[in-house]
Amino acid sequence: MKVRTLFLLPLFLALFGASAFSNAANYPCSKSKGGVSHCTADGKFVCNDGSISRSKKVCR
C-alpha cells in the first residue's frame, strides 16, 4: 500500500501543478492593466486603466 501511495502522490502533484500552469494563459488586459472593463463596438478590449488592448482576440 505504501509503495502505491508513494507512486501516486507525486503523479497527482505533477498533474495538479500542470493544470495550474494552464490557467496562466495570456489574457487581454492582464497584470497592471487591471483586467477587461468592456468591449468596443468593433470587438476590441478596453482595459480597466482606460487603454485599448493590443490583443488579436475578438471581444464579444
PDB file of N, CA and C in Angstrom:
ATOM      1  N   MET A   1       0.824  -1.198   0.000  1.00  0.00           N
ATOM      2  CA  MET A   1       0.000   0.000   0.000  1.00  0.00           C
ATOM      3  C   MET A   1       0.863   1.256   0.000  1.00  0.00           C
ATOM      4  N   LYS A   2       1.949   1.253   0.767  1.00  0.00           N
ATOM      5  CA  LYS A   2       2.805   2.432   0.829  1.00  0.00           C
ATOM      6  C   LYS A   2       3.503   2.686  -0.500  1.00  0.00           C
ATOM      7  N   VAL A   3       3.877   1.613  -1.194  1.00  0.00           N
ATOM      8  CA  VAL A   3       4.549   1.774  -2.483  1.00  0.00           C
ATOM      9  C   VAL A   3       3.597   2.429  -3.477  1.00  0.00           C
ATOM     10  N   ARG A   4       2.362   2.013  -3.453  1.00  0.00           N
ATOM     11  CA  ARG A   4       1.362   2.591  -4.354  1.00  0.00           C
ATOM     12  C   ARG A   4       1.133   4.064  -4.024  1.00  0.00           C
ATOM     13  N   THR A   5       1.057   4.387  -2.758  1.00  0.00           N
ATOM     14  CA  THR A   5       0.870   5.774  -2.334  1.00  0.00           C
ATOM     15  C   THR A   5       2.070   6.622  -2.719  1.00  0.00           C
ATOM     16  N   LEU A   6       3.259   6.082  -2.539  1.00  0.00           N
ATOM     17  CA  LEU A   6       4.474   6.815  -2.898  1.00  0.00           C
ATOM     18  C   LEU A   6       4.567   7.055  -4.400  1.00  0.00           C
ATOM     19  N   PHE A   7       3.955   6.200  -5.188  1.00  0.00           N
ATOM     20  CA  PHE A   7       3.949   6.386  -6.637  1.00  0.00           C
ATOM     21  C   PHE A   7       2.851   7.361  -7.072  1.00  0.00           C
ATOM     22  N   LEU A   8       1.670   7.235  -6.493  1.00  0.00           N
ATOM     23  CA  LEU A   8       0.533   8.045  -6.926  1.00  0.00           C
ATOM     24  C   LEU A   8       0.599   9.489  -6.448  1.00  0.00           C
ATOM     25  N   LEU A   9       1.162   9.730  -5.292  1.00  0.00           N
ATOM     26  CA  LEU A   9       1.222  11.089  -4.764  1.00  0.00           C
ATOM     27  C   LEU A   9       2.026  12.027  -5.669  1.00  0.00           C
ATOM     28  N   PRO A  10       3.250  11.681  -6.076  1.00  0.00           N
ATOM     29  CA  PRO A  10       3.979  12.578  -6.994  1.00  0.00           C
ATOM     30  C   PRO A  10       3.276  12.731  -8.343  1.00  0.00           C
ATOM     31  N   LEU A  11       2.641  11.668  -8.813  1.00  0.00           N
ATOM     32  CA  LEU A  11       1.910  11.748 -10.076  1.00  0.00           C
ATOM     33  C   LEU A  11       0.747  12.729  -9.967  1.00  0.00           C
ATOM     34  N   PHE A  12       0.006  12.648  -8.880  1.00  0.00           N
ATOM     35  CA  PHE A  12      -1.106  13.568  -8.648  1.00  0.00           C
ATOM     36  C   PHE A  12      -0.609  15.006  -8.549  1.00  0.00           C
ATOM     37  N   LEU A  13       0.465  15.216  -7.808  1.00  0.00           N
ATOM     38  CA  LEU A  13       1.013  16.568  -7.655  1.00  0.00           C
ATOM     39  C   LEU A  13       1.510  17.130  -8.984  1.00  0.00           C
ATOM     40  N   ALA A  14       2.097  16.289  -9.816  1.00  0.00           N
ATOM     41  CA  ALA A  14       2.568  16.744 -11.124  1.00  0.00           C
ATOM     42  C   ALA A  14       1.388  17.145 -12.012  1.00  0.00           C
ATOM     43  N   LEU A  15       0.329  16.361 -12.005  1.00  0.00           N
ATOM     44  CA  LEU A  15      -0.846  16.690 -12.816  1.00  0.00           C
ATOM     45  C   LEU A  15      -1.538  17.941 -12.303  1.00  0.00           C
ATOM     46  N   PHE A  16      -1.618  18.092 -10.996  1.00  0.00           N
ATOM     47  CA  PHE A  16      -2.241  19.272 -10.408  1.00  0.00           C
ATOM     48  C   PHE A  16      -1.419  20.516 -10.728  1.00  0.00           C
ATOM     49  N   GLY A  17      -0.111  20.414 -10.659  1.00  0.00           N
ATOM     50  CA  GLY A  17       0.769  21.542 -10.975  1.00  0.00           C
ATOM     51  C   GLY A  17       0.668  21.942 -12.433  1.00  0.00           C
ATOM     52  N   ALA A  18       0.537  20.974 -13.322  1.00  0.00           N
ATOM     53  CA  ALA A  18       0.418  21.274 -14.749  1.00  0.00           C
ATOM     54  C   ALA A  18      -0.889  22.001 -15.042  1.00  0.00           C
ATOM     55  N   SER A  19      -1.951  21.656 -14.334  1.00  0.00           N
ATOM     56  CA  SER A  19      -3.224  22.337 -14.570  1.00  0.00           C
ATOM     57  C   SER A  19      -3.169  23.776 -14.072  1.00  0.00           C
ATOM     58  N   ALA A  20      -2.373  24.044 -13.052  1.00  0.00           N
ATOM     59  CA  ALA A  20      -2.237  25.414 -12.562  1.00  0.00           C
ATOM     60  C   ALA A  20      -1.544  26.285 -13.599  1.00  0.00           C
ATOM     61  N   PHE A  21      -0.569  25.726 -14.312  1.00  0.00           N
ATOM     62  CA  PHE A  21       0.125  26.494 -15.339  1.00  0.00           C
ATOM     63  C   PHE A  21      -0.759  26.729 -16.559  1.00  0.00           C
ATOM     64  N   SER A  22      -1.690  25.832 -16.831  1.00  0.00           N
ATOM     65  CA  SER A  22      -2.557  26.029 -17.988  1.00  0.00           C
ATOM     66  C   SER A  22      -3.504  27.202 -17.778  1.00  0.00           C
ATOM     67  N   ASN A  23      -3.772  27.568 -16.542  1.00  0.00           N
ATOM     68  CA  ASN A  23      -4.622  28.718 -16.253  1.00  0.00           C
ATOM     69  C   ASN A  23      -3.867  30.032 -16.343  1.00  0.00           C
ATOM     70  N   ALA A  24      -2.572  29.974 -16.517  1.00  0.00           N
ATOM     71  CA  ALA A  24      -1.752  31.178 -16.565  1.00  0.00           C
ATOM     72  C   ALA A  24      -1.570  31.655 -18.005  1.00  0.00           C
ATOM     73  N   ALA A  25      -2.605  31.573 -18.795  1.00  0.00           N
ATOM     74  CA  ALA A  25      -2.525  31.995 -20.192  1.00  0.00           C
ATOM     75  C   ALA A  25      -2.491  33.512 -20.294  1.00  0.00           C
ATOM     76  N   ASN A  26      -2.174  34.003 -21.460  1.00  0.00           N
ATOM     77  CA  ASN A  26      -2.167  35.446 -21.689  1.00  0.00           C
ATOM     78  C   ASN A  26      -3.587  35.914 -21.992  1.00  0.00           C
ATOM     79  N   TYR A  27      -4.163  36.644 -21.077  1.00  0.00           N
ATOM     80  CA  TYR A  27      -5.491  37.195 -21.252  1.00  0.00           C
ATOM     81  C   TYR A  27      -5.375  38.673 -21.593  1.00  0.00           C
ATOM     82  N   PRO A  28      -6.320  39.216 -22.343  1.00  0.00           N
ATOM     83  CA  PRO A  28      -6.289  40.649 -22.635  1.00  0.00           C
ATOM     84  C   PRO A  28      -6.354  41.460 -21.346  1.00  0.00           C
ATOM     85  N   CYS A  29      -5.609  42.529 -21.300  1.00  0.00           N
ATOM     86  CA  CYS A  29      -5.610  43.463 -20.160  1.00  0.00           C
ATOM     87  C   CYS A  29      -5.138  42.808 -18.866  1.00  0.00           C
ATOM     88  N   SER A  30      -4.196  41.883 -18.954  1.00  0.00           N
ATOM     89  CA  SER A  30      -3.722  41.222 -17.747  1.00  0.00           C
ATOM     90  C   SER A  30      -2.693  42.070 -17.016  1.00  0.00           C
ATOM     91  N   LYS A  31      -2.391  41.655 -15.817  1.00  0.00           N
ATOM     92  CA  LYS A  31      -1.403  42.266 -14.921  1.00  0.00           C
ATOM     93  C   LYS A  31      -1.738  43.706 -14.574  1.00  0.00           C
ATOM     94  N   SER A  32      -0.881  44.645 -14.919  1.00  0.00           N
ATOM     95  CA  SER A  32      -1.036  46.035 -14.457  1.00  0.00           C
ATOM     96  C   SER A  32      -2.208  46.761 -15.115  1.00  0.00           C
ATOM     97  N   LYS A  33      -2.769  46.192 -16.166  1.00  0.00           N
ATOM     98  CA  LYS A  33      -3.910  46.829 -16.841  1.00  0.00           C
ATOM     99  C   LYS A  33      -5.190  46.694 -16.031  1.00  0.00           C
ATOM    100  N   GLY A  34      -5.241  45.738 -15.114  1.00  0.00           N
ATOM    101  CA  GLY A  34      -6.380  45.615 -14.209  1.00  0.00           C
ATOM    102  C   GLY A  34      -7.531  44.779 -14.706  1.00  0.00           C
ATOM    103  N   GLY A  35      -7.407  44.138 -15.840  1.00  0.00           N
ATOM    104  CA  GLY A  35      -8.485  43.306 -16.361  1.00  0.00           C
ATOM    105  C   GLY A  35      -9.312  44.045 -17.398  1.00  0.00           C
ATOM    106  N   VAL A  36     -10.286  43.353 -17.949  1.00  0.00           N
ATOM    107  CA  VAL A  36     -11.123  43.907 -19.013  1.00  0.00           C
ATOM    108  C   VAL A  36     -12.278  44.688 -18.401  1.00  0.00           C
ATOM    109  N   SER A  37     -12.467  45.908 -18.874  1.00  0.00           N
ATOM    110  CA  SER A  37     -13.575  46.744 -18.427  1.00  0.00           C
ATOM    111  C   SER A  37     -14.812  46.473 -19.274  1.00  0.00           C
ATOM    112  N   HIS A  38     -14.654  46.588 -20.586  1.00  0.00           N
ATOM    113  CA  HIS A  38     -15.765  46.354 -21.503  1.00  0.00           C
ATOM    114  C   HIS A  38     -15.216  46.179 -22.917  1.00  0.00           C
ATOM    115  N   CYS A  39     -16.121  45.992 -23.876  1.00  0.00           N
ATOM    116  CA  CYS A  39     -15.748  45.814 -25.282  1.00  0.00           C
ATOM    117  C   CYS A  39     -16.125  47.049 -26.086  1.00  0.00           C
ATOM    118  N   THR A  40     -15.355  47.312 -27.138  1.00  0.00           N
ATOM    119  CA  THR A  40     -15.726  48.381 -28.062  1.00  0.00           C
ATOM    120  C   THR A  40     -16.688  47.816 -29.101  1.00  0.00           C
ATOM    121  N   ALA A  41     -17.272  48.686 -29.900  1.00  0.00           N
ATOM    122  CA  ALA A  41     -18.220  48.253 -30.930  1.00  0.00           C
ATOM    123  C   ALA A  41     -17.548  47.381 -31.985  1.00  0.00           C
ATOM    124  N   ASP A  42     -16.243  47.604 -32.221  1.00  0.00           N
ATOM    125  CA  ASP A  42     -15.549  46.808 -33.238  1.00  0.00           C
ATOM    126  C   ASP A  42     -14.841  45.585 -32.651  1.00  0.00           C
ATOM    127  N   GLY A  43     -15.143  45.216 -31.401  1.00  0.00           N
ATOM    128  CA  GLY A  43     -14.650  43.969 -30.830  1.00  0.00           C
ATOM    129  C   GLY A  43     -13.300  44.031 -30.155  1.00  0.00           C
ATOM    130  N   LYS A  44     -12.853  45.209 -29.756  1.00  0.00           N
ATOM    131  CA  LYS A  44     -11.584  45.325 -29.040  1.00  0.00           C
ATOM    132  C   LYS A  44     -11.853  45.399 -27.542  1.00  0.00           C
ATOM    133  N   PHE A  45     -10.848  45.000 -26.761  1.00  0.00           N
ATOM    134  CA  PHE A  45     -10.968  45.014 -25.307  1.00  0.00           C
ATOM    135  C   PHE A  45     -10.534  46.367 -24.765  1.00  0.00           C
ATOM    136  N   VAL A  46     -11.337  46.935 -23.861  1.00  0.00           N
ATOM    137  CA  VAL A  46     -10.956  48.152 -23.150  1.00  0.00           C
ATOM    138  C   VAL A  46     -10.572  47.721 -21.738  1.00  0.00           C
ATOM    139  N   CYS A  47      -9.345  48.063 -21.343  1.00  0.00           N
ATOM    140  CA  CYS A  47      -8.836  47.670 -20.028  1.00  0.00           C
ATOM    141  C   CYS A  47      -9.370  48.600 -18.949  1.00  0.00           C
ATOM    142  N   ASN A  48      -9.268  48.165 -17.699  1.00  0.00           N
ATOM    143  CA  ASN A  48      -9.735  48.968 -16.570  1.00  0.00           C
ATOM    144  C   ASN A  48      -8.949  50.256 -16.405  1.00  0.00           C
ATOM    145  N   ASP A  49      -7.729  50.321 -16.951  1.00  0.00           N
ATOM    146  CA  ASP A  49      -6.964  51.567 -16.862  1.00  0.00           C
ATOM    147  C   ASP A  49      -7.297  52.524 -18.007  1.00  0.00           C
ATOM    148  N   GLY A  50      -8.248  52.143 -18.877  1.00  0.00           N
ATOM    149  CA  GLY A  50      -8.699  53.007 -19.962  1.00  0.00           C
ATOM    150  C   GLY A  50      -8.028  52.769 -21.296  1.00  0.00           C
ATOM    151  N   SER A  51      -6.983  51.950 -21.334  1.00  0.00           N
ATOM    152  CA  SER A  51      -6.280  51.703 -22.593  1.00  0.00           C
ATOM    153  C   SER A  51      -6.988  50.618 -23.398  1.00  0.00           C
ATOM    154  N   ILE A  52      -6.694  50.576 -24.693  1.00  0.00           N
ATOM    155  CA  ILE A  52      -7.224  49.545 -25.586  1.00  0.00           C
ATOM    156  C   ILE A  52      -6.190  48.425 -25.663  1.00  0.00           C
ATOM    157  N   SER A  53      -6.629  47.192 -25.469  1.00  0.00           N
ATOM    158  CA  SER A  53      -5.721  46.051 -25.521  1.00  0.00           C
ATOM    159  C   SER A  53      -5.249  45.819 -26.950  1.00  0.00           C
ATOM    160  N   ARG A  54      -4.004  45.373 -27.087  1.00  0.00           N
ATOM    161  CA  ARG A  54      -3.451  45.048 -28.404  1.00  0.00           C
ATOM    162  C   ARG A  54      -3.731  43.598 -28.781  1.00  0.00           C
ATOM    163  N   SER A  55      -4.577  42.932 -28.020  1.00  0.00           N
ATOM    164  CA  SER A  55      -4.892  41.529 -28.258  1.00  0.00           C
ATOM    165  C   SER A  55      -5.522  41.342 -29.631  1.00  0.00           C
ATOM    166  N   LYS A  56      -5.197  40.216 -30.252  1.00  0.00           N
ATOM    167  CA  LYS A  56      -5.798  39.885 -31.545  1.00  0.00           C
ATOM    168  C   LYS A  56      -7.108  39.114 -31.368  1.00  0.00           C
ATOM    169  N   LYS A  57      -7.443  38.781 -30.127  1.00  0.00           N
ATOM    170  CA  LYS A  57      -8.715  38.114 -29.850  1.00  0.00           C
ATOM    171  C   LYS A  57      -9.855  39.103 -30.047  1.00  0.00           C
ATOM    172  N   VAL A  58     -11.042  38.578 -30.322  1.00  0.00           N
ATOM    173  CA  VAL A  58     -12.220  39.418 -30.526  1.00  0.00           C
ATOM    174  C   VAL A  58     -13.061  39.393 -29.259  1.00  0.00           C
ATOM    175  N   CYS A  59     -13.401  40.564 -28.781  1.00  0.00           N
ATOM    176  CA  CYS A  59     -14.228  40.706 -27.586  1.00  0.00           C
ATOM    177  C   CYS A  59     -15.694  40.598 -27.990  1.00  0.00           C
ATOM    178  N   ARG A  60     -16.450  39.746 -27.299  1.00  0.00           N
ATOM    179  CA  ARG A  60     -17.868  39.552 -27.637  1.00  0.00           C
ATOM    180  C   ARG A  60     -18.737  39.872 -26.467  1.00  0.00           C
TER     181      ARG A  60
END
